């Protein structure tokens, strides 16, 4: 029985709405694959002369201008149609994305790789998500646009939905939940 829907952020709930250039483009490339904010900052320091405060400020500015919601009503539609299922975000990202999420998406929990020091598609990321949510992996529906991440979640027993670029995320989730 699905008790939680864990949604990836970029590619599932949001998309990049502008193309970055210069230093912003270089910094943004380090957003996802970090186990911690410290790792992100150290990687950016290697390619720039910026200090930590400047890096964090630039990262927050990039986040606020880079992302746009794919479907502004998806969370409300999911809550309305599935009021007994908890909705969370589980994503590889720097922790600075939390402010953007809190300001734009009414979600029940936010699990970010930089906060838990684990990244998808490693099994420890998914086990930590299940642990934080206090749910068995088999009760979690994991929704992501990356096949490697889908495979990792599946391998530990989570249910999964792979999202492609032009998919209607709500429709795919709705169809899945109505078929089980």
C-alpha atoms as a PDB file:
ATOM      1  CA  UNK A   1       0.000   0.000   0.000  1.00  0.00           C
ATOM      2  CA  UNK A   2       1.448   3.366  -1.018  1.00  0.00           C
ATOM      3  CA  UNK A   3       1.682   5.669   1.987  1.00  0.00           C
ATOM      4  CA  UNK A   4       4.236   8.155   0.627  1.00  0.00           C
ATOM      5  CA  UNK A   5       4.978   9.662  -2.768  1.00  0.00           C
ATOM      6  CA  UNK A   6       8.606  10.802  -2.890  1.00  0.00           C
ATOM      7  CA  UNK A   7       9.094  13.230  -5.773  1.00  0.00           C
ATOM      8  CA  UNK A   8      12.362  14.262  -7.315  1.00  0.00           C
ATOM      9  CA  UNK A   9      12.612  18.016  -7.820  1.00  0.00           C
ATOM     10  CA  UNK A  10      14.410  18.941 -11.058  1.00  0.00           C
ATOM     11  CA  UNK A  11      12.822  17.235 -14.046  1.00  0.00           C
ATOM     12  CA  UNK A  12       9.737  16.144 -12.096  1.00  0.00           C
ATOM     13  CA  UNK A  13       8.340  19.176 -10.250  1.00  0.00           C
ATOM     14  CA  UNK A  14      10.481  21.943 -11.728  1.00  0.00           C
ATOM     15  CA  UNK A  15      12.328  22.599 -14.942  1.00  0.00           C
ATOM     16  CA  UNK A  16      15.073  24.990 -15.819  1.00  0.00           C
ATOM     17  CA  UNK A  17      13.454  28.083 -17.339  1.00  0.00           C
ATOM     18  CA  UNK A  18      16.544  30.017 -18.369  1.00  0.00           C
ATOM     19  CA  UNK A  19      19.952  29.162 -19.695  1.00  0.00           C
ATOM     20  CA  UNK A  20      22.794  30.226 -17.448  1.00  0.00           C
ATOM     21  CA  UNK A  21      26.079  31.617 -18.677  1.00  0.00           C
ATOM     22  CA  UNK A  22      29.555  32.194 -17.320  1.00  0.00           C
ATOM     23  CA  UNK A  23      30.278  31.570 -13.666  1.00  0.00           C
ATOM     24  CA  UNK A  24      26.622  30.853 -12.844  1.00  0.00           C
ATOM     25  CA  UNK A  25      26.572  28.013 -15.367  1.00  0.00           C
ATOM     26  CA  UNK A  26      29.759  26.567 -13.895  1.00  0.00           C
ATOM     27  CA  UNK A  27      28.431  26.805 -10.329  1.00  0.00           C
ATOM     28  CA  UNK A  28      25.052  25.276 -11.205  1.00  0.00           C
ATOM     29  CA  UNK A  29      26.741  22.173 -12.584  1.00  0.00           C
ATOM     30  CA  UNK A  30      27.746  21.275  -9.002  1.00  0.00           C
ATOM     31  CA  UNK A  31      24.201  21.469  -7.555  1.00  0.00           C
ATOM     32  CA  UNK A  32      23.156  17.827  -7.791  1.00  0.00           C
ATOM     33  CA  UNK A  33      25.880  15.292  -7.223  1.00  0.00           C
ATOM     34  CA  UNK A  34      27.105  16.454  -3.804  1.00  0.00           C
ATOM     35  CA  UNK A  35      26.860  14.606  -0.544  1.00  0.00           C
ATOM     36  CA  UNK A  36      27.080  17.891   1.368  1.00  0.00           C
ATOM     37  CA  UNK A  37      27.046  21.642   1.015  1.00  0.00           C
ATOM     38  CA  UNK A  38      30.669  21.631   2.124  1.00  0.00           C
ATOM     39  CA  UNK A  39      31.591  19.415  -0.817  1.00  0.00           C
ATOM     40  CA  UNK A  40      29.699  21.782  -3.143  1.00  0.00           C
ATOM     41  CA  UNK A  41      31.482  24.841  -1.731  1.00  0.00           C
ATOM     42  CA  UNK A  42      34.887  23.186  -2.024  1.00  0.00           C
ATOM     43  CA  UNK A  43      34.244  22.234  -5.657  1.00  0.00           C
ATOM     44  CA  UNK A  44      33.164  25.783  -6.510  1.00  0.00           C
ATOM     45  CA  UNK A  45      36.195  27.227  -4.714  1.00  0.00           C
ATOM     46  CA  UNK A  46      38.419  25.116  -6.981  1.00  0.00           C
ATOM     47  CA  UNK A  47      37.097  26.904 -10.085  1.00  0.00           C
ATOM     48  CA  UNK A  48      36.581  30.412  -8.660  1.00  0.00           C
ATOM     49  CA  UNK A  49      38.134  32.937  -6.298  1.00  0.00           C
ATOM     50  CA  UNK A  50      34.885  33.255  -4.339  1.00  0.00           C
ATOM     51  CA  UNK A  51      34.562  32.804  -0.587  1.00  0.00           C
ATOM     52  CA  UNK A  52      31.883  30.650   1.065  1.00  0.00           C
ATOM     53  CA  UNK A  53      29.457  33.522   1.689  1.00  0.00           C
ATOM     54  CA  UNK A  54      29.669  34.645  -1.937  1.00  0.00           C
ATOM     55  CA  UNK A  55      29.175  31.079  -3.190  1.00  0.00           C
ATOM     56  CA  UNK A  56      26.075  30.550  -1.052  1.00  0.00           C
ATOM     57  CA  UNK A  57      24.581  33.878  -2.158  1.00  0.00           C
ATOM     58  CA  UNK A  58      25.214  33.144  -5.840  1.00  0.00           C
ATOM     59  CA  UNK A  59      23.790  29.623  -5.440  1.00  0.00           C
ATOM     60  CA  UNK A  60      20.569  30.986  -3.887  1.00  0.00           C
ATOM     61  CA  UNK A  61      20.246  33.574  -6.664  1.00  0.00           C
ATOM     62  CA  UNK A  62      20.767  30.906  -9.334  1.00  0.00           C
ATOM     63  CA  UNK A  63      18.110  28.676  -7.766  1.00  0.00           C
ATOM     64  CA  UNK A  64      15.551  31.478  -7.610  1.00  0.00           C
ATOM     65  CA  UNK A  65      15.954  32.460 -11.242  1.00  0.00           C
ATOM     66  CA  UNK A  66      16.713  29.056 -12.777  1.00  0.00           C
ATOM     67  CA  UNK A  67      13.721  26.948 -11.782  1.00  0.00           C
ATOM     68  CA  UNK A  68      10.053  27.174 -12.684  1.00  0.00           C
ATOM     69  CA  UNK A  69       7.254  24.849 -11.666  1.00  0.00           C
ATOM     70  CA  UNK A  70       6.184  22.428 -14.398  1.00  0.00           C
ATOM     71  CA  UNK A  71       2.639  22.197 -12.986  1.00  0.00           C
ATOM     72  CA  UNK A  72       1.658  24.711 -10.311  1.00  0.00           C
ATOM     73  CA  UNK A  73      -1.310  22.589  -9.233  1.00  0.00           C
ATOM     74  CA  UNK A  74       0.271  19.138  -9.037  1.00  0.00           C
ATOM     75  CA  UNK A  75       0.679  19.063  -5.259  1.00  0.00           C
ATOM     76  CA  UNK A  76      -2.866  20.321  -4.702  1.00  0.00           C
ATOM     77  CA  UNK A  77      -4.261  17.775  -7.183  1.00  0.00           C
ATOM     78  CA  UNK A  78      -2.356  14.949  -5.496  1.00  0.00           C
ATOM     79  CA  UNK A  79      -3.474  16.047  -2.015  1.00  0.00           C
ATOM     80  CA  UNK A  80      -7.074  16.374  -3.186  1.00  0.00           C
ATOM     81  CA  UNK A  81      -7.165  12.989  -4.913  1.00  0.00           C
ATOM     82  CA  UNK A  82      -4.987  11.099  -2.408  1.00  0.00           C
ATOM     83  CA  UNK A  83      -5.442  12.790   0.989  1.00  0.00           C
ATOM     84  CA  UNK A  84      -4.060   9.794   2.907  1.00  0.00           C
ATOM     85  CA  UNK A  85      -0.753   9.719   1.024  1.00  0.00           C
ATOM     86  CA  UNK A  86       2.092  11.860   2.315  1.00  0.00           C
ATOM     87  CA  UNK A  87       3.894  13.962  -0.327  1.00  0.00           C
ATOM     88  CA  UNK A  88       7.611  14.618   0.014  1.00  0.00           C
ATOM     89  CA  UNK A  89      10.520  15.787  -2.094  1.00  0.00           C
ATOM     90  CA  UNK A  90      13.586  13.517  -2.183  1.00  0.00           C
ATOM     91  CA  UNK A  91      16.291  15.028  -4.346  1.00  0.00           C
ATOM     92  CA  UNK A  92      20.005  15.344  -4.983  1.00  0.00           C
ATOM     93  CA  UNK A  93      20.734  19.014  -4.420  1.00  0.00           C
ATOM     94  CA  UNK A  94      22.483  21.550  -2.235  1.00  0.00           C
ATOM     95  CA  UNK A  95      20.506  22.477   0.868  1.00  0.00           C
ATOM     96  CA  UNK A  96      19.998  26.044  -0.330  1.00  0.00           C
ATOM     97  CA  UNK A  97      17.134  24.744  -2.485  1.00  0.00           C
ATOM     98  CA  UNK A  98      14.944  24.394   0.635  1.00  0.00           C
ATOM     99  CA  UNK A  99      14.065  28.084   0.664  1.00  0.00           C
ATOM    100  CA  UNK A 100      12.883  27.870  -2.955  1.00  0.00           C
ATOM    101  CA  UNK A 101      10.847  24.733  -2.212  1.00  0.00           C
ATOM    102  CA  UNK A 102       9.221  26.228   0.892  1.00  0.00           C
ATOM    103  CA  UNK A 103       8.283  29.381  -1.045  1.00  0.00           C
ATOM    104  CA  UNK A 104       6.908  27.566  -4.109  1.00  0.00           C
ATOM    105  CA  UNK A 105       5.758  24.048  -3.243  1.00  0.00           C
ATOM    106  CA  UNK A 106       3.396  23.085  -0.408  1.00  0.00           C
ATOM    107  CA  UNK A 107       5.047  19.776   0.421  1.00  0.00           C
ATOM    108  CA  UNK A 108       5.020  17.818   3.687  1.00  0.00           C
ATOM    109  CA  UNK A 109       8.710  16.974   3.920  1.00  0.00           C
ATOM    110  CA  UNK A 110      11.929  17.835   2.098  1.00  0.00           C
ATOM    111  CA  UNK A 111      14.800  15.344   1.958  1.00  0.00           C
ATOM    112  CA  UNK A 112      17.916  16.697   0.274  1.00  0.00           C
ATOM    113  CA  UNK A 113      21.116  14.782  -0.395  1.00  0.00           C
ATOM    114  CA  UNK A 114      23.286  17.564   1.050  1.00  0.00           C
ATOM    115  CA  UNK A 115      21.378  17.342   4.352  1.00  0.00           C
ATOM    116  CA  UNK A 116      21.605  13.554   4.723  1.00  0.00           C
ATOM    117  CA  UNK A 117      25.084  13.167   3.169  1.00  0.00           C
ATOM    118  CA  UNK A 118      23.866  10.501   0.759  1.00  0.00           C
ATOM    119  CA  UNK A 119      23.101  10.701  -2.961  1.00  0.00           C
ATOM    120  CA  UNK A 120      20.926   8.895  -5.465  1.00  0.00           C
ATOM    121  CA  UNK A 121      21.234   6.306  -6.921  1.00  0.00           C
ATOM    122  CA  UNK A 122      23.116   4.798  -3.968  1.00  0.00           C
ATOM    123  CA  UNK A 123      20.975   2.471  -1.879  1.00  0.00           C
ATOM    124  CA  UNK A 124      21.852   4.305   1.323  1.00  0.00           C
ATOM    125  CA  UNK A 125      19.985   7.382   0.027  1.00  0.00           C
ATOM    126  CA  UNK A 126      16.736   5.423  -0.388  1.00  0.00           C
ATOM    127  CA  UNK A 127      17.121   3.595   2.924  1.00  0.00           C
ATOM    128  CA  UNK A 128      17.656   6.948   4.648  1.00  0.00           C
ATOM    129  CA  UNK A 129      14.528   8.353   2.962  1.00  0.00           C
ATOM    130  CA  UNK A 130      12.511   5.355   4.246  1.00  0.00           C
ATOM    131  CA  UNK A 131      14.057   5.778   7.699  1.00  0.00           C
ATOM    132  CA  UNK A 132      13.258   9.509   7.860  1.00  0.00           C
ATOM    133  CA  UNK A 133       9.692   8.830   6.721  1.00  0.00           C
ATOM    134  CA  UNK A 134       9.377   5.840   9.084  1.00  0.00           C
ATOM    135  CA  UNK A 135       8.031   3.711   6.230  1.00  0.00           C
ATOM    136  CA  UNK A 136       8.945   0.431   4.634  1.00  0.00           C
ATOM    137  CA  UNK A 137      10.422   0.972   1.158  1.00  0.00           C
ATOM    138  CA  UNK A 138       7.516  -1.004  -0.346  1.00  0.00           C
ATOM    139  CA  UNK A 139       5.100   1.693   0.912  1.00  0.00           C
ATOM    140  CA  UNK A 140       6.944   4.468  -0.946  1.00  0.00           C
ATOM    141  CA  UNK A 141       6.299   5.470  -4.550  1.00  0.00           C
ATOM    142  CA  UNK A 142       9.482   7.102  -5.849  1.00  0.00           C
ATOM    143  CA  UNK A 143       9.056   9.419  -8.867  1.00  0.00           C
ATOM    144  CA  UNK A 144      12.163  10.520 -10.784  1.00  0.00           C
ATOM    145  CA  UNK A 145      13.275  11.439 -14.304  1.00  0.00           C
ATOM    146  CA  UNK A 146      16.607   9.593 -14.108  1.00  0.00           C
ATOM    147  CA  UNK A 147      16.608   5.867 -14.896  1.00  0.00           C
ATOM    148  CA  UNK A 148      19.602   5.181 -12.631  1.00  0.00           C
ATOM    149  CA  UNK A 149      17.706   6.742  -9.717  1.00  0.00           C
ATOM    150  CA  UNK A 150      14.610   4.700 -10.560  1.00  0.00           C
ATOM    151  CA  UNK A 151      16.720   1.532 -10.652  1.00  0.00           C
ATOM    152  CA  UNK A 152      18.303   2.304  -7.262  1.00  0.00           C
ATOM    153  CA  UNK A 153      14.912   2.855  -5.623  1.00  0.00           C
ATOM    154  CA  UNK A 154      13.487  -0.299  -7.216  1.00  0.00           C
ATOM    155  CA  UNK A 155      16.436  -2.394  -6.010  1.00  0.00           C
ATOM    156  CA  UNK A 156      15.569  -1.696  -2.373  1.00  0.00           C
ATOM    157  CA  UNK A 157      11.860  -2.384  -2.879  1.00  0.00           C
ATOM    158  CA  UNK A 158      10.341   1.023  -3.551  1.00  0.00           C
ATOM    159  CA  UNK A 159       7.631   1.343  -6.160  1.00  0.00           C
ATOM    160  CA  UNK A 160       8.733   3.663  -8.976  1.00  0.00           C
ATOM    161  CA  UNK A 161       7.563   5.857 -11.821  1.00  0.00           C
ATOM    162  CA  UNK A 162       9.985   7.159 -14.449  1.00  0.00           C
ATOM    163  CA  UNK A 163       9.064  10.618 -15.727  1.00  0.00           C
ATOM    164  CA  UNK A 164      10.040  11.664 -19.222  1.00  0.00           C
ATOM    165  CA  UNK A 165      10.432  15.281 -20.295  1.00  0.00           C
ATOM    166  CA  UNK A 166       6.923  15.882 -21.612  1.00  0.00           C
ATOM    167  CA  UNK A 167       4.984  13.589 -19.280  1.00  0.00           C
ATOM    168  CA  UNK A 168       2.104  14.928 -17.239  1.00  0.00           C
ATOM    169  CA  UNK A 169       3.387  13.963 -13.787  1.00  0.00           C
ATOM    170  CA  UNK A 170      -0.036  13.983 -12.122  1.00  0.00           C
ATOM    171  CA  UNK A 171      -1.547  11.786 -14.839  1.00  0.00           C
ATOM    172  CA  UNK A 172       1.272   9.238 -14.578  1.00  0.00           C
ATOM    173  CA  UNK A 173       0.972   9.054 -10.788  1.00  0.00           C
ATOM    174  CA  UNK A 174      -2.826   8.936 -10.942  1.00  0.00           C
ATOM    175  CA  UNK A 175      -2.796   6.112 -13.506  1.00  0.00           C
ATOM    176  CA  UNK A 176      -0.284   4.150 -11.451  1.00  0.00           C
ATOM    177  CA  UNK A 177      -2.210   4.522  -8.197  1.00  0.00           C
ATOM    178  CA  UNK A 178      -5.458   3.517  -9.866  1.00  0.00           C
ATOM    179  CA  UNK A 179      -3.904   0.392 -11.369  1.00  0.00           C
ATOM    180  CA  UNK A 180      -2.530  -1.068  -8.128  1.00  0.00           C
END
